[in-house]
Amino acid sequence: MSLAAQIGSLDTNGHAPLYQRLQQALRRAIETQLIKPEEALPPERDLATDFEVSRITVRKALDGLVQEGLLTRRQGAGTFVAGRVEKQFSKLTSFSEDMATRGRSARSEWLSKSVGAVTPDESLTLGLSPGTRVFRFNRIRYADDMPMALEYSTILGSALPSVDAVDASLYTALEAAGNRPVRALQRLRAVLFNAEQAELLQIEPGAPGLFIERRGYLEDGRPVEMTHSWYRGDAYDFVAELNALA
């Protein structure tokens, strides 16, 4: 059965442009899970034929849903319904590793990379002496083409050979240098995104999010990482396994 047959014909009584009516029909199908998370949509040419509209109309409708975060495009694979990502709070894994286990492609848009002396706040959090060198990495994290999180990391300067050692994955670079954290303390709280953060994540100002503060430690107990992350609340679930005390 075609998707058009499942959804039904487009609203012919409204005055909205045709692409918006198609967008509304697809949005309703996604929200009611007539189309399931991670399910692939038919090719644009098939959608155009089934709904009796032009491919330009289909493309415009899909573009809007991609911007809303309801759909995601995967290069060479097509357009998929976006699925919420579950992050295991009990496992110390990187964003890149989380996405790889879910068959999604992780990438970063760098906001800045820098080296400098530790600030008073960083010194207090990481237990470093004034003047200690640190690296700072600020970036937007993407899953496929969807911006998922803002990440701001401060790393002990002696843990990496240079600021350019980090490319796609911070933890991969730390592991290569023999300084990957083996444990971490994390604190989570709900937040609302301000206008600047919302623009970077392509969401509305005031949208709900999750703020994670993490301190990573080496095997000898020394703190090596301080990361502040802001995750989209509409795309991420944090899961923890709880055990009763014996």
C-alpha atoms as a PDB file:
ATOM      1  CA  MET A   1       0.000   0.000   0.000  1.00  0.00           C
ATOM      2  CA  SER A   2       1.368   3.419  -0.937  1.00  0.00           C
ATOM      3  CA  LEU A   3       1.969   6.097   1.670  1.00  0.00           C
ATOM      4  CA  ALA A   4      -0.678   8.278   0.039  1.00  0.00           C
ATOM      5  CA  ALA A   5      -3.222   5.471   0.442  1.00  0.00           C
ATOM      6  CA  GLN A   6      -2.324   5.147   4.132  1.00  0.00           C
ATOM      7  CA  ILE A   7      -2.473   8.877   4.820  1.00  0.00           C
ATOM      8  CA  GLY A   8      -5.418   9.732   2.588  1.00  0.00           C
ATOM      9  CA  SER A   9      -5.876  12.571   0.138  1.00  0.00           C
ATOM     10  CA  LEU A  10      -4.622  16.061   0.892  1.00  0.00           C
ATOM     11  CA  ASP A  11      -6.952  18.704   2.309  1.00  0.00           C
ATOM     12  CA  THR A  12      -8.664  20.322  -0.673  1.00  0.00           C
ATOM     13  CA  ASN A  13     -10.697  22.828   1.310  1.00  0.00           C
ATOM     14  CA  GLY A  14      -7.869  24.836   2.850  1.00  0.00           C
ATOM     15  CA  HIS A  15      -6.219  27.896   1.377  1.00  0.00           C
ATOM     16  CA  ALA A  16      -2.674  26.927   2.410  1.00  0.00           C
ATOM     17  CA  PRO A  17      -0.121  26.289  -0.348  1.00  0.00           C
ATOM     18  CA  LEU A  18      -0.026  22.720  -1.618  1.00  0.00           C
ATOM     19  CA  TYR A  19       3.391  21.982  -0.085  1.00  0.00           C
ATOM     20  CA  GLN A  20       2.083  23.030   3.356  1.00  0.00           C
ATOM     21  CA  ARG A  21      -0.915  20.711   3.016  1.00  0.00           C
ATOM     22  CA  LEU A  22       1.416  17.833   2.134  1.00  0.00           C
ATOM     23  CA  GLN A  23       3.647  18.841   5.038  1.00  0.00           C
ATOM     24  CA  GLN A  24       0.664  18.797   7.396  1.00  0.00           C
ATOM     25  CA  ALA A  25      -0.416  15.346   6.219  1.00  0.00           C
ATOM     26  CA  LEU A  26       3.086  13.927   6.669  1.00  0.00           C
ATOM     27  CA  ARG A  27       3.505  15.610  10.057  1.00  0.00           C
ATOM     28  CA  ARG A  28       0.237  14.090  11.269  1.00  0.00           C
ATOM     29  CA  ALA A  29       1.314  10.652  10.026  1.00  0.00           C
ATOM     30  CA  ILE A  30       4.621  10.975  11.907  1.00  0.00           C
ATOM     31  CA  GLU A  31       3.035  12.243  15.133  1.00  0.00           C
ATOM     32  CA  THR A  32       0.460   9.422  15.147  1.00  0.00           C
ATOM     33  CA  GLN A  33       3.218   6.923  14.222  1.00  0.00           C
ATOM     34  CA  LEU A  34       1.475   5.872  11.057  1.00  0.00           C
ATOM     35  CA  ILE A  35       5.050   6.277   9.841  1.00  0.00           C
ATOM     36  CA  LYS A  36       7.349   4.839  12.504  1.00  0.00           C
ATOM     37  CA  PRO A  37      10.590   6.364  13.864  1.00  0.00           C
ATOM     38  CA  GLU A  38      13.603   5.413  11.714  1.00  0.00           C
ATOM     39  CA  GLU A  39      11.267   4.331   8.868  1.00  0.00           C
ATOM     40  CA  ALA A  40      12.364   5.373   5.379  1.00  0.00           C
ATOM     41  CA  LEU A  41      10.057   7.509   3.275  1.00  0.00           C
ATOM     42  CA  PRO A  42       9.466   6.549  -0.365  1.00  0.00           C
ATOM     43  CA  PRO A  43      11.625   8.389  -2.931  1.00  0.00           C
ATOM     44  CA  GLU A  44      10.493  11.903  -3.825  1.00  0.00           C
ATOM     45  CA  ARG A  45       9.416  10.846  -7.311  1.00  0.00           C
ATOM     46  CA  ASP A  46       7.127   8.169  -5.836  1.00  0.00           C
ATOM     47  CA  LEU A  47       5.643  10.628  -3.337  1.00  0.00           C
ATOM     48  CA  ALA A  48       5.002  13.087  -6.161  1.00  0.00           C
ATOM     49  CA  THR A  49       3.221  10.417  -8.189  1.00  0.00           C
ATOM     50  CA  ASP A  50       1.200   9.065  -5.244  1.00  0.00           C
ATOM     51  CA  PHE A  51       0.014  12.479  -4.043  1.00  0.00           C
ATOM     52  CA  GLU A  52      -0.346  13.857  -7.586  1.00  0.00           C
ATOM     53  CA  VAL A  53       1.905  16.842  -6.946  1.00  0.00           C
ATOM     54  CA  SER A  54       5.194  18.045  -8.420  1.00  0.00           C
ATOM     55  CA  ARG A  55       8.577  16.939  -7.124  1.00  0.00           C
ATOM     56  CA  ILE A  56       9.271  20.577  -6.249  1.00  0.00           C
ATOM     57  CA  THR A  57       6.229  20.512  -3.952  1.00  0.00           C
ATOM     58  CA  VAL A  58       7.441  17.286  -2.342  1.00  0.00           C
ATOM     59  CA  ARG A  59      10.961  18.635  -1.861  1.00  0.00           C
ATOM     60  CA  LYS A  60       9.670  21.839  -0.267  1.00  0.00           C
ATOM     61  CA  ALA A  61       7.400  19.898   2.093  1.00  0.00           C
ATOM     62  CA  LEU A  62      10.218  17.552   3.137  1.00  0.00           C
ATOM     63  CA  ASP A  63      12.679  20.422   3.600  1.00  0.00           C
ATOM     64  CA  GLY A  64      10.337  21.983   6.144  1.00  0.00           C
ATOM     65  CA  LEU A  65       9.987  18.742   8.100  1.00  0.00           C
ATOM     66  CA  VAL A  66      13.767  18.257   8.086  1.00  0.00           C
ATOM     67  CA  GLN A  67      14.168  21.755   9.565  1.00  0.00           C
ATOM     68  CA  GLU A  68      11.588  20.867  12.242  1.00  0.00           C
ATOM     69  CA  GLY A  69      13.629  17.797  13.140  1.00  0.00           C
ATOM     70  CA  LEU A  70      10.852  15.351  12.212  1.00  0.00           C
ATOM     71  CA  LEU A  71      12.761  13.978   9.228  1.00  0.00           C
ATOM     72  CA  THR A  72      16.424  13.421   8.585  1.00  0.00           C
ATOM     73  CA  ARG A  73      18.308  12.919   5.323  1.00  0.00           C
ATOM     74  CA  ARG A  74      21.058  10.319   5.123  1.00  0.00           C
ATOM     75  CA  GLN A  75      23.460  10.693   2.253  1.00  0.00           C
ATOM     76  CA  GLY A  76      23.022   7.891  -0.254  1.00  0.00           C
ATOM     77  CA  ALA A  77      20.205   6.284   1.764  1.00  0.00           C
ATOM     78  CA  GLY A  78      17.235   8.635   1.537  1.00  0.00           C
ATOM     79  CA  THR A  79      14.880  10.442   3.921  1.00  0.00           C
ATOM     80  CA  PHE A  80      13.918   8.889   7.259  1.00  0.00           C
ATOM     81  CA  VAL A  81      11.614   9.669  10.137  1.00  0.00           C
ATOM     82  CA  ALA A  82      13.832  10.963  12.914  1.00  0.00           C
ATOM     83  CA  GLY A  83      14.075   8.686  15.919  1.00  0.00           C
ATOM     84  CA  ARG A  84      14.818   9.900  19.419  1.00  0.00           C
ATOM     85  CA  VAL A  85      18.292   8.944  20.587  1.00  0.00           C
ATOM     86  CA  GLU A  86      18.667   7.115  23.887  1.00  0.00           C
ATOM     87  CA  LYS A  87      21.837   7.845  25.814  1.00  0.00           C
ATOM     88  CA  GLN A  88      22.816   5.334  28.479  1.00  0.00           C
ATOM     89  CA  PHE A  89      23.751   7.437  31.485  1.00  0.00           C
ATOM     90  CA  SER A  90      25.595   4.486  33.038  1.00  0.00           C
ATOM     91  CA  LYS A  91      28.059   4.112  30.138  1.00  0.00           C
ATOM     92  CA  LEU A  92      30.947   6.491  29.482  1.00  0.00           C
ATOM     93  CA  THR A  93      30.785   6.775  25.697  1.00  0.00           C
ATOM     94  CA  SER A  94      31.336   9.603  23.268  1.00  0.00           C
ATOM     95  CA  PHE A  95      28.679  11.204  21.078  1.00  0.00           C
ATOM     96  CA  SER A  96      30.343   9.667  18.001  1.00  0.00           C
ATOM     97  CA  GLU A  97      30.201   6.189  19.553  1.00  0.00           C
ATOM     98  CA  ASP A  98      26.542   6.651  20.537  1.00  0.00           C
ATOM     99  CA  MET A  99      25.597   7.591  16.982  1.00  0.00           C
ATOM    100  CA  ALA A 100      27.634   4.765  15.423  1.00  0.00           C
ATOM    101  CA  THR A 101      25.813   2.133  17.514  1.00  0.00           C
ATOM    102  CA  ARG A 102      22.523   3.491  16.164  1.00  0.00           C
ATOM    103  CA  GLY A 103      23.612   3.492  12.535  1.00  0.00           C
ATOM    104  CA  ARG A 104      23.730   7.270  12.356  1.00  0.00           C
ATOM    105  CA  SER A 105      26.573   9.447  11.154  1.00  0.00           C
ATOM    106  CA  ALA A 106      28.087  11.847  13.686  1.00  0.00           C
ATOM    107  CA  ARG A 107      29.829  15.038  12.667  1.00  0.00           C
ATOM    108  CA  SER A 108      30.792  18.342  14.209  1.00  0.00           C
ATOM    109  CA  GLU A 109      30.608  21.957  13.187  1.00  0.00           C
ATOM    110  CA  TRP A 110      33.434  23.637  15.032  1.00  0.00           C
ATOM    111  CA  LEU A 111      32.696  26.920  16.759  1.00  0.00           C
ATOM    112  CA  SER A 112      36.231  27.273  18.114  1.00  0.00           C
ATOM    113  CA  LYS A 113      39.396  25.416  19.109  1.00  0.00           C
ATOM    114  CA  SER A 114      41.834  27.200  21.409  1.00  0.00           C
ATOM    115  CA  VAL A 115      44.655  26.810  23.895  1.00  0.00           C
ATOM    116  CA  GLY A 116      45.185  28.966  26.963  1.00  0.00           C
ATOM    117  CA  ALA A 117      45.706  29.163  30.689  1.00  0.00           C
ATOM    118  CA  VAL A 118      43.103  27.645  32.964  1.00  0.00           C
ATOM    119  CA  THR A 119      40.380  30.012  34.194  1.00  0.00           C
ATOM    120  CA  PRO A 120      39.428  30.185  37.890  1.00  0.00           C
ATOM    121  CA  ASP A 121      36.260  28.115  37.273  1.00  0.00           C
ATOM    122  CA  GLU A 122      38.185  25.496  35.280  1.00  0.00           C
ATOM    123  CA  SER A 123      40.902  25.441  37.935  1.00  0.00           C
ATOM    124  CA  LEU A 124      38.342  24.791  40.659  1.00  0.00           C
ATOM    125  CA  THR A 125      36.514  22.064  38.703  1.00  0.00           C
ATOM    126  CA  LEU A 126      39.608  20.255  37.443  1.00  0.00           C
ATOM    127  CA  GLY A 127      41.812  20.871  40.499  1.00  0.00           C
ATOM    128  CA  LEU A 128      44.522  22.573  38.423  1.00  0.00           C
ATOM    129  CA  SER A 129      47.066  25.147  39.497  1.00  0.00           C
ATOM    130  CA  PRO A 130      46.767  28.698  38.129  1.00  0.00           C
ATOM    131  CA  GLY A 131      48.564  29.046  34.786  1.00  0.00           C
ATOM    132  CA  THR A 132      48.095  25.377  33.801  1.00  0.00           C
ATOM    133  CA  ARG A 133      47.630  24.982  30.044  1.00  0.00           C
ATOM    134  CA  VAL A 134      44.304  23.646  28.777  1.00  0.00           C
ATOM    135  CA  PHE A 135      42.657  23.046  25.399  1.00  0.00           C
ATOM    136  CA  ARG A 136      39.102  24.228  24.698  1.00  0.00           C
ATOM    137  CA  PHE A 137      36.808  22.696  22.090  1.00  0.00           C
ATOM    138  CA  ASN A 138      33.432  24.263  21.265  1.00  0.00           C
ATOM    139  CA  ARG A 139      31.193  22.692  18.627  1.00  0.00           C
ATOM    140  CA  ILE A 140      27.741  21.749  17.384  1.00  0.00           C
ATOM    141  CA  ARG A 141      27.173  17.983  17.287  1.00  0.00           C
ATOM    142  CA  TYR A 142      25.125  16.531  14.432  1.00  0.00           C
ATOM    143  CA  ALA A 143      23.443  13.161  13.922  1.00  0.00           C
ATOM    144  CA  ASP A 144      23.214  12.784  10.157  1.00  0.00           C
ATOM    145  CA  ASP A 145      22.081  16.304   9.166  1.00  0.00           C
ATOM    146  CA  MET A 146      20.243  17.121  12.397  1.00  0.00           C
ATOM    147  CA  PRO A 147      21.904  19.404  14.983  1.00  0.00           C
ATOM    148  CA  MET A 148      21.578  17.565  18.297  1.00  0.00           C
ATOM    149  CA  ALA A 149      23.732  19.301  20.883  1.00  0.00           C
ATOM    150  CA  LEU A 150      26.095  22.120  21.779  1.00  0.00           C
ATOM    151  CA  GLU A 151      29.292  20.907  23.414  1.00  0.00           C
ATOM    152  CA  TYR A 152      31.933  22.938  25.255  1.00  0.00           C
ATOM    153  CA  SER A 153      34.941  20.951  26.512  1.00  0.00           C
ATOM    154  CA  THR A 154      38.037  21.890  28.480  1.00  0.00           C
ATOM    155  CA  ILE A 155      40.853  19.314  28.401  1.00  0.00           C
ATOM    156  CA  LEU A 156      44.041  19.153  30.456  1.00  0.00           C
ATOM    157  CA  GLY A 157      46.841  20.411  28.179  1.00  0.00           C
ATOM    158  CA  SER A 158      49.157  17.494  28.915  1.00  0.00           C
ATOM    159  CA  ALA A 159      46.477  15.000  27.824  1.00  0.00           C
ATOM    160  CA  LEU A 160      46.755  15.823  24.099  1.00  0.00           C
ATOM    161  CA  PRO A 161      49.729  16.540  21.823  1.00  0.00           C
ATOM    162  CA  SER A 162      48.076  19.650  20.327  1.00  0.00           C
ATOM    163  CA  VAL A 163      44.746  21.382  19.828  1.00  0.00           C
ATOM    164  CA  ASP A 164      44.648  20.007  16.268  1.00  0.00           C
ATOM    165  CA  ALA A 165      44.806  16.413  17.530  1.00  0.00           C
ATOM    166  CA  VAL A 166      41.009  16.430  17.836  1.00  0.00           C
ATOM    167  CA  ASP A 167      39.127  15.921  14.588  1.00  0.00           C
ATOM    168  CA  ALA A 168      35.818  14.045  14.706  1.00  0.00           C
ATOM    169  CA  SER A 169      35.892  12.518  18.191  1.00  0.00           C
ATOM    170  CA  LEU A 170      37.448  13.996  21.323  1.00  0.00           C
ATOM    171  CA  TYR A 171      37.511  10.634  23.106  1.00  0.00           C
ATOM    172  CA  THR A 172      39.221   8.974  20.130  1.00  0.00           C
ATOM    173  CA  ALA A 173      41.972  11.594  20.310  1.00  0.00           C
ATOM    174  CA  LEU A 174      42.321  11.157  24.071  1.00  0.00           C
ATOM    175  CA  GLU A 175      42.464   7.368  23.668  1.00  0.00           C
ATOM    176  CA  ALA A 176      45.189   7.695  21.027  1.00  0.00           C
ATOM    177  CA  ALA A 177      47.181   9.787  23.491  1.00  0.00           C
ATOM    178  CA  GLY A 178      46.611   7.240  26.267  1.00  0.00           C
ATOM    179  CA  ASN A 179      44.466   9.658  28.270  1.00  0.00           C
ATOM    180  CA  ARG A 180      40.861   8.618  27.712  1.00  0.00           C
ATOM    181  CA  PRO A 181      38.701   9.039  30.855  1.00  0.00           C
ATOM    182  CA  VAL A 182      37.778   5.757  32.556  1.00  0.00           C
ATOM    183  CA  ARG A 183      35.065   7.218  34.781  1.00  0.00           C
ATOM    184  CA  ALA A 184      33.065  10.419  35.020  1.00  0.00           C
ATOM    185  CA  LEU A 185      30.695  12.351  37.222  1.00  0.00           C
ATOM    186  CA  GLN A 186      27.678  13.768  35.408  1.00  0.00           C
ATOM    187  CA  ARG A 187      24.921  16.128  36.451  1.00  0.00           C
ATOM    188  CA  LEU A 188      21.780  16.731  34.398  1.00  0.00           C
ATOM    189  CA  ARG A 189      19.113  19.405  34.588  1.00  0.00           C
ATOM    190  CA  ALA A 190      16.325  20.742  32.408  1.00  0.00           C
ATOM    191  CA  VAL A 191      16.884  24.097  30.685  1.00  0.00           C
ATOM    192  CA  LEU A 192      15.303  26.385  28.114  1.00  0.00           C
ATOM    193  CA  PHE A 193      17.424  27.380  25.120  1.00  0.00           C
ATOM    194  CA  ASN A 194      18.230  31.062  24.724  1.00  0.00           C
ATOM    195  CA  ALA A 195      18.078  32.798  21.349  1.00  0.00           C
ATOM    196  CA  GLU A 196      21.768  32.225  20.507  1.00  0.00           C
ATOM    197  CA  GLN A 197      21.673  28.534  21.390  1.00  0.00           C
ATOM    198  CA  ALA A 198      18.382  28.051  19.554  1.00  0.00           C
ATOM    199  CA  GLU A 199      19.787  29.589  16.384  1.00  0.00           C
ATOM    200  CA  LEU A 200      22.765  27.225  16.445  1.00  0.00           C
ATOM    201  CA  LEU A 201      20.501  24.189  16.929  1.00  0.00           C
ATOM    202  CA  GLN A 202      17.862  25.404  14.442  1.00  0.00           C
ATOM    203  CA  ILE A 203      15.048  25.355  16.990  1.00  0.00           C
ATOM    204  CA  GLU A 204      12.771  27.953  18.537  1.00  0.00           C
ATOM    205  CA  PRO A 205      14.058  30.137  21.421  1.00  0.00           C
ATOM    206  CA  GLY A 206      12.665  28.883  24.705  1.00  0.00           C
ATOM    207  CA  ALA A 207      12.520  25.263  23.504  1.00  0.00           C
ATOM    208  CA  PRO A 208      13.236  22.707  26.268  1.00  0.00           C
ATOM    209  CA  GLY A 209      16.632  21.076  26.502  1.00  0.00           C
ATOM    210  CA  LEU A 210      18.873  19.013  28.751  1.00  0.00           C
ATOM    211  CA  PHE A 211      22.072  20.412  30.236  1.00  0.00           C
ATOM    212  CA  ILE A 212      24.813  17.919  31.116  1.00  0.00           C
ATOM    213  CA  GLU A 213      27.876  18.816  33.156  1.00  0.00           C
ATOM    214  CA  ARG A 214      30.563  16.112  33.074  1.00  0.00           C
ATOM    215  CA  ARG A 215      33.962  15.690  34.715  1.00  0.00           C
ATOM    216  CA  GLY A 216      36.094  12.859  33.328  1.00  0.00           C
ATOM    217  CA  TYR A 217      38.873  11.160  35.300  1.00  0.00           C
ATOM    218  CA  LEU A 218      41.939   9.142  34.357  1.00  0.00           C
ATOM    219  CA  GLU A 219      42.708   5.760  35.881  1.00  0.00           C
ATOM    220  CA  ASP A 220      45.019   7.382  38.439  1.00  0.00           C
ATOM    221  CA  GLY A 221      42.166   9.624  39.617  1.00  0.00           C
ATOM    222  CA  ARG A 222      43.296  12.845  37.970  1.00  0.00           C
ATOM    223  CA  PRO A 223      40.554  14.921  36.302  1.00  0.00           C
ATOM    224  CA  VAL A 224      41.245  15.340  32.591  1.00  0.00           C
ATOM    225  CA  GLU A 225      38.000  16.651  31.101  1.00  0.00           C
ATOM    226  CA  MET A 226      35.291  19.174  31.853  1.00  0.00           C
ATOM    227  CA  THR A 227      32.409  19.205  29.352  1.00  0.00           C
ATOM    228  CA  HIS A 228      29.211  21.230  29.324  1.00  0.00           C
ATOM    229  CA  SER A 229      26.613  20.013  26.817  1.00  0.00           C
ATOM    230  CA  TRP A 230      23.173  21.265  25.868  1.00  0.00           C
ATOM    231  CA  TYR A 231      21.013  18.586  24.197  1.00  0.00           C
ATOM    232  CA  ARG A 232      17.774  19.101  22.323  1.00  0.00           C
ATOM    233  CA  GLY A 233      14.913  17.902  24.488  1.00  0.00           C
ATOM    234  CA  ASP A 234      12.869  16.832  21.459  1.00  0.00           C
ATOM    235  CA  ALA A 235      15.521  14.435  20.187  1.00  0.00           C
ATOM    236  CA  TYR A 236      17.340  12.921  23.174  1.00  0.00           C
ATOM    237  CA  ASP A 237      16.333  10.594  26.020  1.00  0.00           C
ATOM    238  CA  PHE A 238      18.720   9.789  28.859  1.00  0.00           C
ATOM    239  CA  VAL A 239      18.375   6.305  30.321  1.00  0.00           C
ATOM    240  CA  ALA A 240      19.940   4.876  33.477  1.00  0.00           C
ATOM    241  CA  GLU A 241      19.788   1.351  34.863  1.00  0.00           C
ATOM    242  CA  LEU A 242      18.950   1.256  38.566  1.00  0.00           C
ATOM    243  CA  ASN A 243      19.597  -1.652  40.933  1.00  0.00           C
ATOM    244  CA  ALA A 244      18.143  -2.189  44.378  1.00  0.00           C
ATOM    245  CA  LEU A 245      20.615  -2.221  47.262  1.00  0.00           C
ATOM    246  CA  ALA A 246      21.414  -5.680  48.594  1.00  0.00           C
END
